Amino acid sequence: RSLPWRFCFCGGWMDLKWCNELWSGCAITINIAFHEGICRDECGLATSSRKWAAKLWNGGMPKHLGPLRAAQFLWGAENFDAAATEERLYWAGSQDHCGLLFSGVNKLCYAGGRHWP
């Protein structure tokens, strides 16, 4: 099965520590199939995370991991350099990874300065 695309319906940035440390809240993500009118690079559809997933799993969904473990693995792979030093300004948020790897519509709630719902 090919990699889907992630659409954030609402609540963007709630997966970032500095944001949910101040305000708790939820992000609603929708796992969507490719559509040429919507799915483009750098358009807010987790394209950087999707590219990492494509490298890790040869363009398809991982067969040997469940959705949560795959999302955690993908988050770690994409943020590895930042996690080692916390000096990087850009962190890929976990809603990108969960939205790519959890099927359907998902409500991901964040609080307390954590990266994971």
N, C-alpha and C. Protein backbone atom coordinates (compact mmCIF):
# COMPACT_ATOMS: atom_id res chain seq x y z
N ARG A 1 0.84 -1.18 0.00
CA ARG A 1 0.00 0.00 0.00
C ARG A 1 0.88 1.24 0.00
N SER A 2 0.56 2.21 -0.84
CA SER A 2 1.38 3.42 -0.92
C SER A 2 1.10 4.35 0.25
N LEU A 3 2.03 5.26 0.47
CA LEU A 3 1.89 6.21 1.58
C LEU A 3 0.75 7.19 1.30
N PRO A 4 -0.10 7.40 2.28
CA PRO A 4 -1.15 8.40 2.13
C PRO A 4 -0.60 9.80 2.38
N TRP A 5 -1.45 10.78 2.35
CA TRP A 5 -1.10 12.16 2.66
C TRP A 5 -1.82 12.56 3.94
N ARG A 6 -1.27 13.53 4.67
CA ARG A 6 -1.88 13.98 5.91
C ARG A 6 -2.42 15.39 5.74
N PHE A 7 -3.70 15.56 6.02
CA PHE A 7 -4.33 16.87 6.00
C PHE A 7 -4.68 17.25 7.43
N CYS A 8 -4.21 18.41 7.88
CA CYS A 8 -4.55 18.89 9.22
C CYS A 8 -5.79 19.76 9.10
N PHE A 9 -6.90 19.26 9.59
CA PHE A 9 -8.17 19.96 9.49
C PHE A 9 -8.23 21.15 10.45
N CYS A 10 -7.72 20.98 11.67
CA CYS A 10 -7.65 22.08 12.64
C CYS A 10 -6.69 21.73 13.76
N GLY A 11 -6.25 22.75 14.48
CA GLY A 11 -5.40 22.54 15.65
C GLY A 11 -3.92 22.41 15.34
N GLY A 12 -3.48 22.91 14.21
CA GLY A 12 -2.06 22.85 13.88
C GLY A 12 -1.21 23.51 14.96
N TRP A 13 -0.04 23.02 15.13
CA TRP A 13 0.97 23.48 16.08
C TRP A 13 0.74 22.97 17.50
N MET A 14 -0.35 22.30 17.77
CA MET A 14 -0.58 21.80 19.13
C MET A 14 0.43 20.73 19.51
N ASP A 15 1.07 20.11 18.54
CA ASP A 15 2.06 19.07 18.81
C ASP A 15 3.44 19.63 19.12
N LEU A 16 3.59 20.94 19.10
CA LEU A 16 4.88 21.56 19.41
C LEU A 16 4.94 21.91 20.89
N LYS A 17 6.03 21.55 21.54
CA LYS A 17 6.17 21.71 22.99
C LYS A 17 5.87 23.13 23.47
N TRP A 18 6.43 24.11 22.79
CA TRP A 18 6.25 25.50 23.24
C TRP A 18 4.79 25.94 23.16
N CYS A 19 4.03 25.35 22.27
CA CYS A 19 2.63 25.72 22.12
C CYS A 19 1.75 25.04 23.17
N ASN A 20 1.84 23.71 23.29
CA ASN A 20 0.96 23.02 24.22
C ASN A 20 1.41 23.15 25.67
N GLU A 21 2.58 23.73 25.88
CA GLU A 21 3.01 24.07 27.23
C GLU A 21 2.18 25.25 27.74
N LEU A 22 1.84 26.16 26.84
CA LEU A 22 1.04 27.34 27.19
C LEU A 22 -0.45 27.06 27.12
N TRP A 23 -0.89 26.34 26.10
CA TRP A 23 -2.30 26.04 25.88
C TRP A 23 -2.44 24.58 25.47
N SER A 24 -3.27 23.85 26.17
CA SER A 24 -3.54 22.48 25.74
C SER A 24 -4.60 22.53 24.64
N GLY A 25 -4.62 21.51 23.82
CA GLY A 25 -5.60 21.47 22.74
C GLY A 25 -5.40 20.26 21.85
N CYS A 26 -6.24 20.17 20.85
CA CYS A 26 -6.23 19.01 19.97
C CYS A 26 -6.02 19.42 18.52
N ALA A 27 -5.48 18.51 17.76
CA ALA A 27 -5.36 18.65 16.31
C ALA A 27 -6.22 17.55 15.69
N ILE A 28 -6.92 17.89 14.65
CA ILE A 28 -7.71 16.91 13.91
C ILE A 28 -6.99 16.67 12.59
N THR A 29 -6.57 15.45 12.37
CA THR A 29 -5.88 15.11 11.12
C THR A 29 -6.73 14.12 10.32
N ILE A 30 -6.59 14.21 9.01
CA ILE A 30 -7.31 13.32 8.12
C ILE A 30 -6.30 12.68 7.17
N ASN A 31 -6.31 11.39 7.13
CA ASN A 31 -5.44 10.61 6.26
C ASN A 31 -6.13 10.53 4.90
N ILE A 32 -5.49 11.10 3.86
CA ILE A 32 -6.14 11.20 2.55
C ILE A 32 -5.31 10.53 1.46
N ALA A 33 -5.98 10.16 0.41
CA ALA A 33 -5.31 9.61 -0.78
C ALA A 33 -4.84 10.78 -1.64
N PHE A 34 -3.92 10.51 -2.53
CA PHE A 34 -3.37 11.53 -3.41
C PHE A 34 -4.46 12.16 -4.29
N HIS A 35 -4.40 13.47 -4.41
CA HIS A 35 -5.25 14.21 -5.34
C HIS A 35 -4.37 15.28 -5.96
N GLU A 36 -4.25 15.30 -7.28
CA GLU A 36 -3.31 16.20 -7.95
C GLU A 36 -3.60 17.68 -7.70
N GLY A 37 -4.82 18.03 -7.36
CA GLY A 37 -5.15 19.42 -7.10
C GLY A 37 -4.76 19.90 -5.72
N ILE A 38 -4.49 18.98 -4.80
CA ILE A 38 -4.18 19.34 -3.42
C ILE A 38 -2.77 18.96 -3.01
N CYS A 39 -2.33 17.78 -3.36
CA CYS A 39 -1.11 17.19 -2.83
C CYS A 39 0.13 17.69 -3.55
N ARG A 40 0.77 18.67 -2.92
CA ARG A 40 2.00 19.25 -3.46
C ARG A 40 2.99 19.46 -2.33
N ASP A 41 4.25 19.57 -2.68
CA ASP A 41 5.27 19.86 -1.67
C ASP A 41 5.02 21.21 -1.03
N GLU A 42 5.40 21.27 0.24
CA GLU A 42 5.36 22.52 1.02
C GLU A 42 3.99 23.19 1.00
N CYS A 43 2.96 22.39 1.15
CA CYS A 43 1.61 22.97 1.18
C CYS A 43 0.88 22.59 2.47
N GLY A 44 1.62 22.22 3.51
CA GLY A 44 1.00 21.91 4.79
C GLY A 44 0.41 20.52 4.89
N LEU A 45 0.89 19.60 4.09
CA LEU A 45 0.38 18.23 4.12
C LEU A 45 1.42 17.24 4.63
N ALA A 46 2.30 17.69 5.51
CA ALA A 46 3.34 16.83 6.08
C ALA A 46 4.25 16.25 5.02
N THR A 47 4.57 17.04 4.00
CA THR A 47 5.36 16.50 2.90
C THR A 47 6.79 16.15 3.31
N SER A 48 7.38 16.89 4.24
CA SER A 48 8.74 16.53 4.67
C SER A 48 8.72 15.20 5.41
N SER A 49 7.71 14.99 6.24
CA SER A 49 7.58 13.72 6.96
C SER A 49 7.27 12.58 5.99
N ARG A 50 6.46 12.87 5.00
CA ARG A 50 6.11 11.86 3.99
C ARG A 50 7.36 11.43 3.21
N LYS A 51 8.24 12.39 2.91
CA LYS A 51 9.49 12.06 2.21
C LYS A 51 10.38 11.17 3.07
N TRP A 52 10.43 11.46 4.37
CA TRP A 52 11.20 10.61 5.28
C TRP A 52 10.62 9.19 5.30
N ALA A 53 9.31 9.09 5.37
CA ALA A 53 8.66 7.78 5.38
C ALA A 53 8.96 7.02 4.09
N ALA A 54 8.92 7.72 2.96
CA ALA A 54 9.21 7.08 1.68
C ALA A 54 10.63 6.53 1.65
N LYS A 55 11.58 7.27 2.23
CA LYS A 55 12.96 6.78 2.29
C LYS A 55 13.07 5.55 3.20
N LEU A 56 12.42 5.61 4.34
CA LEU A 56 12.52 4.52 5.31
C LEU A 56 11.86 3.23 4.82
N TRP A 57 10.71 3.37 4.16
CA TRP A 57 9.91 2.20 3.81
C TRP A 57 9.68 2.06 2.31
N ASN A 58 10.60 2.57 1.51
CA ASN A 58 10.56 2.41 0.05
C ASN A 58 9.22 2.84 -0.57
N GLY A 59 8.69 3.94 -0.09
CA GLY A 59 7.49 4.51 -0.68
C GLY A 59 6.18 3.89 -0.26
N GLY A 60 6.23 2.88 0.59
CA GLY A 60 5.00 2.22 1.04
C GLY A 60 4.82 2.30 2.55
N MET A 61 3.73 1.76 3.01
CA MET A 61 3.47 1.68 4.44
C MET A 61 4.31 0.56 5.05
N PRO A 62 4.82 0.75 6.26
CA PRO A 62 5.62 -0.32 6.89
C PRO A 62 4.73 -1.51 7.22
N LYS A 63 5.20 -2.68 6.86
CA LYS A 63 4.42 -3.90 7.10
C LYS A 63 4.74 -4.53 8.45
N HIS A 64 5.90 -4.23 8.99
CA HIS A 64 6.37 -4.88 10.20
C HIS A 64 6.10 -4.08 11.47
N LEU A 65 5.46 -2.90 11.36
CA LEU A 65 5.17 -2.06 12.52
C LEU A 65 3.70 -1.67 12.53
N GLY A 66 3.12 -1.58 13.71
CA GLY A 66 1.78 -1.04 13.84
C GLY A 66 1.81 0.47 13.64
N PRO A 67 0.65 1.11 13.48
CA PRO A 67 0.61 2.55 13.21
C PRO A 67 1.29 3.43 14.26
N LEU A 68 1.07 3.16 15.55
CA LEU A 68 1.68 3.99 16.59
C LEU A 68 3.19 3.84 16.59
N ARG A 69 3.67 2.61 16.55
CA ARG A 69 5.12 2.38 16.57
C ARG A 69 5.77 2.96 15.31
N ALA A 70 5.11 2.84 14.18
CA ALA A 70 5.65 3.40 12.94
C ALA A 70 5.71 4.92 13.03
N ALA A 71 4.67 5.55 13.59
CA ALA A 71 4.67 7.01 13.76
C ALA A 71 5.79 7.46 14.68
N GLN A 72 6.01 6.73 15.77
CA GLN A 72 7.09 7.06 16.70
C GLN A 72 8.45 6.90 16.03
N PHE A 73 8.62 5.84 15.29
CA PHE A 73 9.87 5.59 14.58
C PHE A 73 10.14 6.69 13.56
N LEU A 74 9.11 7.06 12.80
CA LEU A 74 9.25 8.11 11.80
C LEU A 74 9.57 9.45 12.45
N TRP A 75 8.91 9.78 13.55
CA TRP A 75 9.19 11.03 14.28
C TRP A 75 10.65 11.05 14.73
N GLY A 76 11.11 9.94 15.28
CA GLY A 76 12.50 9.86 15.74
C GLY A 76 13.49 10.00 14.60
N ALA A 77 13.20 9.38 13.47
CA ALA A 77 14.10 9.47 12.32
C ALA A 77 14.18 10.89 11.79
N GLU A 78 13.05 11.54 11.66
CA GLU A 78 13.05 12.90 11.10
C GLU A 78 13.64 13.93 12.05
N ASN A 79 13.49 13.72 13.35
CA ASN A 79 13.96 14.68 14.34
C ASN A 79 15.24 14.26 15.04
N PHE A 80 15.93 13.28 14.52
CA PHE A 80 17.09 12.72 15.21
C PHE A 80 18.14 13.77 15.57
N ASP A 81 18.52 14.61 14.62
CA ASP A 81 19.53 15.63 14.90
C ASP A 81 19.08 16.59 15.97
N ALA A 82 17.83 17.01 15.92
CA ALA A 82 17.30 17.96 16.90
C ALA A 82 17.20 17.31 18.27
N ALA A 83 16.81 16.06 18.32
CA ALA A 83 16.64 15.38 19.60
C ALA A 83 17.97 15.25 20.34
N ALA A 84 19.05 15.17 19.60
CA ALA A 84 20.35 15.02 20.24
C ALA A 84 20.81 16.30 20.93
N THR A 85 20.41 17.46 20.39
CA THR A 85 20.92 18.72 20.95
C THR A 85 19.83 19.71 21.38
N GLU A 86 18.63 19.59 20.84
CA GLU A 86 17.52 20.53 21.04
C GLU A 86 17.89 21.94 20.60
N GLU A 87 18.89 22.07 19.73
CA GLU A 87 19.30 23.38 19.22
C GLU A 87 18.62 23.73 17.91
N ARG A 88 18.03 22.77 17.27
CA ARG A 88 17.40 23.00 15.98
C ARG A 88 16.11 23.80 16.16
N LEU A 89 15.86 24.75 15.29
CA LEU A 89 14.66 25.57 15.39
C LEU A 89 13.42 24.85 14.89
N TYR A 90 13.58 24.00 13.88
CA TYR A 90 12.44 23.30 13.30
C TYR A 90 12.35 21.88 13.82
N TRP A 91 11.21 21.53 14.33
CA TRP A 91 10.92 20.15 14.72
C TRP A 91 9.71 19.71 13.91
N ALA A 92 9.77 18.55 13.34
CA ALA A 92 8.58 17.99 12.71
C ALA A 92 7.69 17.50 13.83
N GLY A 93 6.44 17.93 13.82
CA GLY A 93 5.52 17.57 14.90
C GLY A 93 4.93 16.18 14.73
N SER A 94 4.57 15.59 15.85
CA SER A 94 4.05 14.22 15.82
C SER A 94 2.70 14.12 15.12
N GLN A 95 1.94 15.23 15.03
CA GLN A 95 0.67 15.15 14.30
C GLN A 95 0.91 14.82 12.83
N ASP A 96 2.06 15.23 12.29
CA ASP A 96 2.39 14.88 10.91
C ASP A 96 2.55 13.37 10.77
N HIS A 97 3.27 12.78 11.70
CA HIS A 97 3.56 11.35 11.64
C HIS A 97 2.33 10.51 11.98
N CYS A 98 1.59 10.93 13.00
CA CYS A 98 0.35 10.21 13.33
C CYS A 98 -0.66 10.34 12.20
N GLY A 99 -0.77 11.53 11.65
CA GLY A 99 -1.72 11.75 10.56
C GLY A 99 -1.40 10.95 9.31
N LEU A 100 -0.12 10.73 9.06
CA LEU A 100 0.28 9.91 7.91
C LEU A 100 0.00 8.42 8.14
N LEU A 101 0.21 7.97 9.38
CA LEU A 101 0.21 6.53 9.63
C LEU A 101 -1.03 6.00 10.34
N PHE A 102 -1.86 6.87 10.91
CA PHE A 102 -3.14 6.45 11.50
C PHE A 102 -4.21 6.64 10.43
N SER A 103 -4.96 5.63 10.12
CA SER A 103 -5.96 5.74 9.06
C SER A 103 -7.16 6.59 9.50
N GLY A 104 -7.83 7.16 8.52
CA GLY A 104 -9.06 7.90 8.77
C GLY A 104 -8.86 9.26 9.40
N VAL A 105 -9.84 9.66 10.21
CA VAL A 105 -9.84 10.95 10.91
C VAL A 105 -9.37 10.71 12.33
N ASN A 106 -8.45 11.55 12.82
CA ASN A 106 -7.89 11.36 14.15
C ASN A 106 -7.92 12.65 14.96
N LYS A 107 -8.29 12.52 16.23
CA LYS A 107 -8.24 13.64 17.18
C LYS A 107 -7.04 13.39 18.08
N LEU A 108 -6.04 14.24 17.98
CA LEU A 108 -4.79 14.09 18.72
C LEU A 108 -4.69 15.24 19.73
N CYS A 109 -4.77 14.94 21.02
CA CYS A 109 -4.79 15.98 22.06
C CYS A 109 -3.43 16.10 22.74
N TYR A 110 -3.01 17.34 22.93
CA TYR A 110 -1.68 17.64 23.47
C TYR A 110 -1.78 18.58 24.67
N ALA A 111 -0.87 18.39 25.63
CA ALA A 111 -0.80 19.25 26.81
C ALA A 111 0.52 19.05 27.52
N GLY A 112 0.89 20.00 28.36
CA GLY A 112 2.04 19.82 29.25
C GLY A 112 3.40 19.88 28.60
N GLY A 113 3.53 20.49 27.43
CA GLY A 113 4.83 20.61 26.81
C GLY A 113 5.38 19.30 26.27
N ARG A 114 4.50 18.45 25.76
CA ARG A 114 4.95 17.15 25.23
C ARG A 114 4.78 17.08 23.72
N HIS A 115 5.63 16.28 23.10
CA HIS A 115 5.58 16.09 21.65
C HIS A 115 4.50 15.11 21.22
N TRP A 116 4.03 14.26 22.13
CA TRP A 116 3.10 13.19 21.76
C TRP A 116 1.77 13.36 22.42
N PRO A 117 0.67 12.98 21.70
CA PRO A 117 -0.67 13.11 22.28
C PRO A 117 -0.89 12.12 23.42
